[in-house]
Every structure is written in structure tokens, then in C-alpha cells.
Amino acid sequence: CLFADAGLDLREEIRRGDVAALAERIQTLV
């Protein structure tokens, strides 16, 4: 949300290039 207190880190999953892990991380955070 634009009005959330802070962003949630995805850098580790992005750096690894693990699409499945990234998708799972996003789903959990959402």
C-alpha cells in the first residue's frame, strides 16, 4: 500500500532468481 509504514524485502529471492520462491514470498506477504 502507498500508505504502509515500510516496504517488505524481496531482494534475496530476486537475487537468487528463484521464481517459485519469489512467488511464494509475495503470496505470503500479500
PDB file of all heavy atoms in Angstrom:
ATOM      1  N   CYS A   1       0.861  -1.183   0.000  1.00  0.00           N
ATOM      2  CA  CYS A   1       0.000   0.000   0.000  1.00  0.00           C
ATOM      3  C   CYS A   1       0.894   1.227   0.000  1.00  0.00           C
ATOM      4  O   CYS A   1       1.968   1.229   0.621  1.00  0.00           O
ATOM      5  CB  CYS A   1      -0.902  -0.006   1.239  1.00  0.00           C
ATOM      6  SG  CYS A   1      -1.911   1.489   1.451  1.00  0.00           S
ATOM      7  N   LEU A   2       0.484   2.282  -0.704  1.00  0.00           N
ATOM      8  CA  LEU A   2       1.252   3.527  -0.692  1.00  0.00           C
ATOM      9  C   LEU A   2       1.401   4.083   0.716  1.00  0.00           C
ATOM     10  O   LEU A   2       2.333   4.824   1.012  1.00  0.00           O
ATOM     11  CB  LEU A   2       0.573   4.570  -1.580  1.00  0.00           C
ATOM     12  CG  LEU A   2       0.793   4.460  -3.084  1.00  0.00           C
ATOM     13  CD1 LEU A   2      -0.029   5.511  -3.810  1.00  0.00           C
ATOM     14  CD2 LEU A   2       2.261   4.628  -3.435  1.00  0.00           C
ATOM     15  N   PHE A   3       0.464   3.742   1.603  1.00  0.00           N
ATOM     16  CA  PHE A   3       0.451   4.323   2.937  1.00  0.00           C
ATOM     17  C   PHE A   3       0.913   3.326   4.010  1.00  0.00           C
ATOM     18  O   PHE A   3       0.690   3.555   5.195  1.00  0.00           O
ATOM     19  CB  PHE A   3      -0.951   4.851   3.242  1.00  0.00           C
ATOM     20  CG  PHE A   3      -1.330   5.982   2.336  1.00  0.00           C
ATOM     21  CD1 PHE A   3      -1.960   5.734   1.131  1.00  0.00           C
ATOM     22  CD2 PHE A   3      -1.014   7.288   2.651  1.00  0.00           C
ATOM     23  CE1 PHE A   3      -2.281   6.765   0.266  1.00  0.00           C
ATOM     24  CE2 PHE A   3      -1.324   8.323   1.796  1.00  0.00           C
ATOM     25  CZ  PHE A   3      -1.966   8.068   0.601  1.00  0.00           C
ATOM     26  N   ALA A   4       1.558   2.253   3.591  1.00  0.00           N
ATOM     27  CA  ALA A   4       2.143   1.325   4.558  1.00  0.00           C
ATOM     28  C   ALA A   4       3.350   1.979   5.229  1.00  0.00           C
ATOM     29  O   ALA A   4       3.968   2.896   4.684  1.00  0.00           O
ATOM     30  CB  ALA A   4       2.556   0.037   3.856  1.00  0.00           C
ATOM     31  N   ASP A   5       3.699   1.500   6.408  1.00  0.00           N
ATOM     32  CA  ASP A   5       4.811   2.097   7.146  1.00  0.00           C
ATOM     33  C   ASP A   5       6.150   1.849   6.467  1.00  0.00           C
ATOM     34  O   ASP A   5       7.062   2.676   6.560  1.00  0.00           O
ATOM     35  CB  ASP A   5       4.856   1.545   8.570  1.00  0.00           C
ATOM     36  CG  ASP A   5       3.690   2.043   9.419  1.00  0.00           C
ATOM     37  OD1 ASP A   5       3.245   3.182   9.184  1.00  0.00           O
ATOM     38  OD2 ASP A   5       3.226   1.290  10.290  1.00  0.00           O
ATOM     39  N   ALA A   6       6.287   0.716   5.803  1.00  0.00           N
ATOM     40  CA  ALA A   6       7.565   0.394   5.170  1.00  0.00           C
ATOM     41  C   ALA A   6       7.358  -0.688   4.122  1.00  0.00           C
ATOM     42  O   ALA A   6       6.339  -1.382   4.113  1.00  0.00           O
ATOM     43  CB  ALA A   6       8.572  -0.088   6.216  1.00  0.00           C
ATOM     44  N   GLY A   7       8.366  -0.831   3.230  1.00  0.00           N
ATOM     45  CA  GLY A   7       8.333  -1.895   2.248  1.00  0.00           C
ATOM     46  C   GLY A   7       8.820  -3.209   2.844  1.00  0.00           C
ATOM     47  O   GLY A   7       9.465  -3.244   3.902  1.00  0.00           O
ATOM     48  N   LEU A   8       8.527  -4.292   2.161  1.00  0.00           N
ATOM     49  CA  LEU A   8       8.888  -5.633   2.616  1.00  0.00           C
ATOM     50  C   LEU A   8       9.933  -6.214   1.666  1.00  0.00           C
ATOM     51  O   LEU A   8       9.763  -6.187   0.442  1.00  0.00           O
ATOM     52  CB  LEU A   8       7.639  -6.523   2.651  1.00  0.00           C
ATOM     53  CG  LEU A   8       6.485  -5.948   3.499  1.00  0.00           C
ATOM     54  CD1 LEU A   8       5.194  -6.723   3.228  1.00  0.00           C
ATOM     55  CD2 LEU A   8       6.835  -5.993   4.973  1.00  0.00           C
ATOM     56  N   ASP A   9      11.007  -6.725   2.217  1.00  0.00           N
ATOM     57  CA  ASP A   9      12.193  -7.065   1.436  1.00  0.00           C
ATOM     58  C   ASP A   9      11.982  -8.298   0.559  1.00  0.00           C
ATOM     59  O   ASP A   9      11.576  -9.361   1.036  1.00  0.00           O
ATOM     60  CB  ASP A   9      13.371  -7.294   2.381  1.00  0.00           C
ATOM     61  CG  ASP A   9      14.704  -7.096   1.684  1.00  0.00           C
ATOM     62  OD1 ASP A   9      14.705  -6.921   0.451  1.00  0.00           O
ATOM     63  OD2 ASP A   9      15.743  -7.103   2.362  1.00  0.00           O
ATOM     64  N   LEU A  10      12.275  -8.137  -0.750  1.00  0.00           N
ATOM     65  CA  LEU A  10      12.255  -9.260  -1.708  1.00  0.00           C
ATOM     66  C   LEU A  10      13.630  -9.483  -2.327  1.00  0.00           C
ATOM     67  O   LEU A  10      13.783 -10.306  -3.233  1.00  0.00           O
ATOM     68  CB  LEU A  10      11.261  -8.972  -2.845  1.00  0.00           C
ATOM     69  CG  LEU A  10       9.785  -8.809  -2.496  1.00  0.00           C
ATOM     70  CD1 LEU A  10       9.010  -8.440  -3.758  1.00  0.00           C
ATOM     71  CD2 LEU A  10       9.227 -10.080  -1.880  1.00  0.00           C
ATOM     72  N   ARG A  11      14.644  -8.762  -1.857  1.00  0.00           N
ATOM     73  CA  ARG A  11      15.927  -8.756  -2.559  1.00  0.00           C
ATOM     74  C   ARG A  11      16.584 -10.133  -2.625  1.00  0.00           C
ATOM     75  O   ARG A  11      17.177 -10.489  -3.658  1.00  0.00           O
ATOM     76  CB  ARG A  11      16.868  -7.753  -1.898  1.00  0.00           C
ATOM     77  CG  ARG A  11      16.545  -6.302  -2.225  1.00  0.00           C
ATOM     78  CD  ARG A  11      17.439  -5.339  -1.494  1.00  0.00           C
ATOM     79  NE  ARG A  11      17.195  -5.389  -0.053  1.00  0.00           N
ATOM     80  CZ  ARG A  11      17.836  -4.623   0.815  1.00  0.00           C
ATOM     81  NH1 ARG A  11      18.749  -3.763   0.398  1.00  0.00           N
ATOM     82  NH2 ARG A  11      17.559  -4.700   2.108  1.00  0.00           N
ATOM     83  N   GLU A  12      16.504 -10.902  -1.557  1.00  0.00           N
ATOM     84  CA  GLU A  12      17.178 -12.194  -1.553  1.00  0.00           C
ATOM     85  C   GLU A  12      16.607 -13.112  -2.627  1.00  0.00           C
ATOM     86  O   GLU A  12      17.347 -13.751  -3.390  1.00  0.00           O
ATOM     87  CB  GLU A  12      17.055 -12.844  -0.174  1.00  0.00           C
ATOM     88  CG  GLU A  12      17.796 -14.164  -0.052  1.00  0.00           C
ATOM     89  CD  GLU A  12      19.286 -14.022  -0.315  1.00  0.00           C
ATOM     90  OE1 GLU A  12      19.851 -12.952   0.014  1.00  0.00           O
ATOM     91  OE2 GLU A  12      19.878 -14.965  -0.868  1.00  0.00           O
ATOM     92  N   GLU A  13      15.263 -13.174  -2.717  1.00  0.00           N
ATOM     93  CA  GLU A  13      14.624 -14.024  -3.727  1.00  0.00           C
ATOM     94  C   GLU A  13      14.903 -13.507  -5.143  1.00  0.00           C
ATOM     95  O   GLU A  13      15.096 -14.296  -6.073  1.00  0.00           O
ATOM     96  CB  GLU A  13      13.115 -14.092  -3.483  1.00  0.00           C
ATOM     97  CG  GLU A  13      12.696 -14.867  -2.248  1.00  0.00           C
ATOM     98  CD  GLU A  13      12.842 -14.078  -0.947  1.00  0.00           C
ATOM     99  OE1 GLU A  13      13.221 -12.896  -1.004  1.00  0.00           O
ATOM    100  OE2 GLU A  13      12.561 -14.652   0.115  1.00  0.00           O
ATOM    101  N   ILE A  14      14.928 -12.193  -5.297  1.00  0.00           N
ATOM    102  CA  ILE A  14      15.203 -11.612  -6.618  1.00  0.00           C
ATOM    103  C   ILE A  14      16.630 -11.925  -7.045  1.00  0.00           C
ATOM    104  O   ILE A  14      16.891 -12.305  -8.192  1.00  0.00           O
ATOM    105  CB  ILE A  14      14.953 -10.092  -6.593  1.00  0.00           C
ATOM    106  CG1 ILE A  14      13.460  -9.809  -6.389  1.00  0.00           C
ATOM    107  CG2 ILE A  14      15.445  -9.451  -7.886  1.00  0.00           C
ATOM    108  CD1 ILE A  14      13.134  -8.337  -6.200  1.00  0.00           C
ATOM    109  N   ARG A  15      17.589 -11.767  -6.121  1.00  0.00           N
ATOM    110  CA  ARG A  15      18.999 -12.022  -6.437  1.00  0.00           C
ATOM    111  C   ARG A  15      19.238 -13.479  -6.813  1.00  0.00           C
ATOM    112  O   ARG A  15      20.034 -13.775  -7.697  1.00  0.00           O
ATOM    113  CB  ARG A  15      19.873 -11.638  -5.247  1.00  0.00           C
ATOM    114  CG  ARG A  15      20.039 -10.137  -5.054  1.00  0.00           C
ATOM    115  CD  ARG A  15      20.690  -9.823  -3.723  1.00  0.00           C
ATOM    116  NE  ARG A  15      20.935  -8.398  -3.560  1.00  0.00           N
ATOM    117  CZ  ARG A  15      21.198  -7.816  -2.406  1.00  0.00           C
ATOM    118  NH1 ARG A  15      21.250  -8.543  -1.298  1.00  0.00           N
ATOM    119  NH2 ARG A  15      21.408  -6.515  -2.342  1.00  0.00           N
ATOM    120  N   ARG A  16      18.543 -14.390  -6.122  1.00  0.00           N
ATOM    121  CA  ARG A  16      18.726 -15.811  -6.425  1.00  0.00           C
ATOM    122  C   ARG A  16      18.093 -16.193  -7.754  1.00  0.00           C
ATOM    123  O   ARG A  16      18.459 -17.219  -8.343  1.00  0.00           O
ATOM    124  CB  ARG A  16      18.105 -16.668  -5.307  1.00  0.00           C
ATOM    125  CG  ARG A  16      18.812 -16.588  -3.976  1.00  0.00           C
ATOM    126  CD  ARG A  16      18.552 -17.842  -3.129  1.00  0.00           C
ATOM    127  NE  ARG A  16      17.146 -18.195  -3.088  1.00  0.00           N
ATOM    128  CZ  ARG A  16      16.318 -17.858  -2.123  1.00  0.00           C
ATOM    129  NH1 ARG A  16      16.741 -17.096  -1.124  1.00  0.00           N
ATOM    130  NH2 ARG A  16      15.055 -18.244  -2.136  1.00  0.00           N
ATOM    131  N   GLY A  17      17.154 -15.405  -8.227  1.00  0.00           N
ATOM    132  CA  GLY A  17      16.476 -15.730  -9.473  1.00  0.00           C
ATOM    133  C   GLY A  17      15.545 -16.911  -9.341  1.00  0.00           C
ATOM    134  O   GLY A  17      15.200 -17.548 -10.346  1.00  0.00           O
ATOM    135  N   ASP A  18      15.118 -17.202  -8.133  1.00  0.00           N
ATOM    136  CA  ASP A  18      14.235 -18.333  -7.869  1.00  0.00           C
ATOM    137  C   ASP A  18      12.785 -17.842  -7.992  1.00  0.00           C
ATOM    138  O   ASP A  18      12.221 -17.291  -7.042  1.00  0.00           O
ATOM    139  CB  ASP A  18      14.508 -18.884  -6.471  1.00  0.00           C
ATOM    140  CG  ASP A  18      13.768 -20.191  -6.192  1.00  0.00           C
ATOM    141  OD1 ASP A  18      12.724 -20.428  -6.825  1.00  0.00           O
ATOM    142  OD2 ASP A  18      14.228 -20.952  -5.327  1.00  0.00           O
ATOM    143  N   VAL A  19      12.194 -18.066  -9.146  1.00  0.00           N
ATOM    144  CA  VAL A  19      10.850 -17.544  -9.414  1.00  0.00           C
ATOM    145  C   VAL A  19       9.819 -18.150  -8.479  1.00  0.00           C
ATOM    146  O   VAL A  19       8.936 -17.456  -7.961  1.00  0.00           O
ATOM    147  CB  VAL A  19      10.465 -17.790 -10.891  1.00  0.00           C
ATOM    148  CG1 VAL A  19       9.028 -17.338 -11.142  1.00  0.00           C
ATOM    149  CG2 VAL A  19      11.423 -17.060 -11.814  1.00  0.00           C
ATOM    150  N   ALA A  20       9.918 -19.450  -8.236  1.00  0.00           N
ATOM    151  CA  ALA A  20       8.952 -20.113  -7.373  1.00  0.00           C
ATOM    152  C   ALA A  20       9.025 -19.563  -5.947  1.00  0.00           C
ATOM    153  O   ALA A  20       8.002 -19.312  -5.298  1.00  0.00           O
ATOM    154  CB  ALA A  20       9.184 -21.620  -7.387  1.00  0.00           C
ATOM    155  N   ALA A  21      10.242 -19.369  -5.444  1.00  0.00           N
ATOM    156  CA  ALA A  21      10.416 -18.836  -4.093  1.00  0.00           C
ATOM    157  C   ALA A  21       9.923 -17.403  -4.008  1.00  0.00           C
ATOM    158  O   ALA A  21       9.327 -16.998  -2.998  1.00  0.00           O
ATOM    159  CB  ALA A  21      11.881 -18.926  -3.675  1.00  0.00           C
ATOM    160  N   LEU A  22      10.167 -16.651  -5.065  1.00  0.00           N
ATOM    161  CA  LEU A  22       9.701 -15.259  -5.093  1.00  0.00           C
ATOM    162  C   LEU A  22       8.182 -15.204  -5.082  1.00  0.00           C
ATOM    163  O   LEU A  22       7.592 -14.409  -4.329  1.00  0.00           O
ATOM    164  CB  LEU A  22      10.252 -14.560  -6.336  1.00  0.00           C
ATOM    165  CG  LEU A  22       9.834 -13.091  -6.535  1.00  0.00           C
ATOM    166  CD1 LEU A  22      10.297 -12.236  -5.363  1.00  0.00           C
ATOM    167  CD2 LEU A  22      10.391 -12.564  -7.853  1.00  0.00           C
ATOM    168  N   ALA A  23       7.547 -16.040  -5.882  1.00  0.00           N
ATOM    169  CA  ALA A  23       6.084 -16.071  -5.919  1.00  0.00           C
ATOM    170  C   ALA A  23       5.513 -16.462  -4.564  1.00  0.00           C
ATOM    171  O   ALA A  23       4.540 -15.864  -4.081  1.00  0.00           O
ATOM    172  CB  ALA A  23       5.610 -17.040  -7.000  1.00  0.00           C
ATOM    173  N   GLU A  24       6.136 -17.457  -3.919  1.00  0.00           N
ATOM    174  CA  GLU A  24       5.662 -17.897  -2.605  1.00  0.00           C
ATOM    175  C   GLU A  24       5.825 -16.794  -1.569  1.00  0.00           C
ATOM    176  O   GLU A  24       4.942 -16.572  -0.738  1.00  0.00           O
ATOM    177  CB  GLU A  24       6.433 -19.142  -2.172  1.00  0.00           C
ATOM    178  CG  GLU A  24       5.959 -19.719  -0.839  1.00  0.00           C
ATOM    179  CD  GLU A  24       6.718 -20.981  -0.462  1.00  0.00           C
ATOM    180  OE1 GLU A  24       7.549 -21.430  -1.263  1.00  0.00           O
ATOM    181  OE2 GLU A  24       6.468 -21.494   0.647  1.00  0.00           O
ATOM    182  N   ARG A  25       6.946 -16.084  -1.631  1.00  0.00           N
ATOM    183  CA  ARG A  25       7.199 -14.981  -0.695  1.00  0.00           C
ATOM    184  C   ARG A  25       6.165 -13.873  -0.875  1.00  0.00           C
ATOM    185  O   ARG A  25       5.605 -13.357   0.095  1.00  0.00           O
ATOM    186  CB  ARG A  25       8.604 -14.437  -0.941  1.00  0.00           C
ATOM    187  CG  ARG A  25       8.950 -13.131  -0.242  1.00  0.00           C
ATOM    188  CD  ARG A  25       9.227 -13.323   1.208  1.00  0.00           C
ATOM    189  NE  ARG A  25       9.819 -12.112   1.773  1.00  0.00           N
ATOM    190  CZ  ARG A  25       9.709 -11.753   3.040  1.00  0.00           C
ATOM    191  NH1 ARG A  25       9.050 -12.528   3.882  1.00  0.00           N
ATOM    192  NH2 ARG A  25      10.272 -10.645   3.474  1.00  0.00           N
ATOM    193  N   ILE A  26       5.874 -13.513  -2.126  1.00  0.00           N
ATOM    194  CA  ILE A  26       4.889 -12.456  -2.394  1.00  0.00           C
ATOM    195  C   ILE A  26       3.512 -12.881  -1.908  1.00  0.00           C
ATOM    196  O   ILE A  26       2.794 -12.094  -1.279  1.00  0.00           O
ATOM    197  CB  ILE A  26       4.868 -12.108  -3.898  1.00  0.00           C
ATOM    198  CG1 ILE A  26       6.189 -11.437  -4.299  1.00  0.00           C
ATOM    199  CG2 ILE A  26       3.692 -11.190  -4.223  1.00  0.00           C
ATOM    200  CD1 ILE A  26       6.324 -11.190  -5.785  1.00  0.00           C
ATOM    201  N   GLN A  27       3.125 -14.120  -2.193  1.00  0.00           N
ATOM    202  CA  GLN A  27       1.816 -14.602  -1.750  1.00  0.00           C
ATOM    203  C   GLN A  27       1.697 -14.557  -0.228  1.00  0.00           C
ATOM    204  O   GLN A  27       0.658 -14.175   0.325  1.00  0.00           O
ATOM    205  CB  GLN A  27       1.593 -16.026  -2.261  1.00  0.00           C
ATOM    206  CG  GLN A  27       1.341 -16.111  -3.752  1.00  0.00           C
ATOM    207  CD  GLN A  27       1.249 -17.547  -4.253  1.00  0.00           C
ATOM    208  OE1 GLN A  27       1.605 -18.479  -3.536  1.00  0.00           O
ATOM    209  NE2 GLN A  27       0.779 -17.720  -5.470  1.00  0.00           N
ATOM    210  N   THR A  28       2.753 -14.919   0.462  1.00  0.00           N
ATOM    211  CA  THR A  28       2.741 -14.883   1.924  1.00  0.00           C
ATOM    212  C   THR A  28       2.583 -13.456   2.434  1.00  0.00           C
ATOM    213  O   THR A  28       1.787 -13.189   3.344  1.00  0.00           O
ATOM    214  CB  THR A  28       4.029 -15.489   2.486  1.00  0.00           C
ATOM    215  OG1 THR A  28       4.136 -16.850   2.060  1.00  0.00           O
ATOM    216  CG2 THR A  28       4.037 -15.438   4.005  1.00  0.00           C
ATOM    217  N   LEU A  29       3.323 -12.535   1.836  1.00  0.00           N
ATOM    218  CA  LEU A  29       3.272 -11.140   2.278  1.00  0.00           C
ATOM    219  C   LEU A  29       1.913 -10.506   1.969  1.00  0.00           C
ATOM    220  O   LEU A  29       1.388  -9.748   2.777  1.00  0.00           O
ATOM    221  CB  LEU A  29       4.397 -10.348   1.610  1.00  0.00           C
ATOM    222  CG  LEU A  29       5.822 -10.741   2.033  1.00  0.00           C
ATOM    223  CD1 LEU A  29       6.847  -9.974   1.208  1.00  0.00           C
ATOM    224  CD2 LEU A  29       6.036 -10.482   3.514  1.00  0.00           C
ATOM    225  N   VAL A  30       1.365 -10.824   0.802  1.00  0.00           N
ATOM    226  CA  VAL A  30       0.054 -10.279   0.454  1.00  0.00           C
ATOM    227  C   VAL A  30      -1.005 -10.756   1.437  1.00  0.00           C
ATOM    228  O   VAL A  30      -1.940 -10.013   1.776  1.00  0.00           O
ATOM    229  CB  VAL A  30      -0.323 -10.659  -0.997  1.00  0.00           C
ATOM    230  CG1 VAL A  30      -1.785 -10.342  -1.278  1.00  0.00           C
ATOM    231  CG2 VAL A  30       0.567  -9.920  -1.984  1.00  0.00           C
TER     232      VAL A  30
END
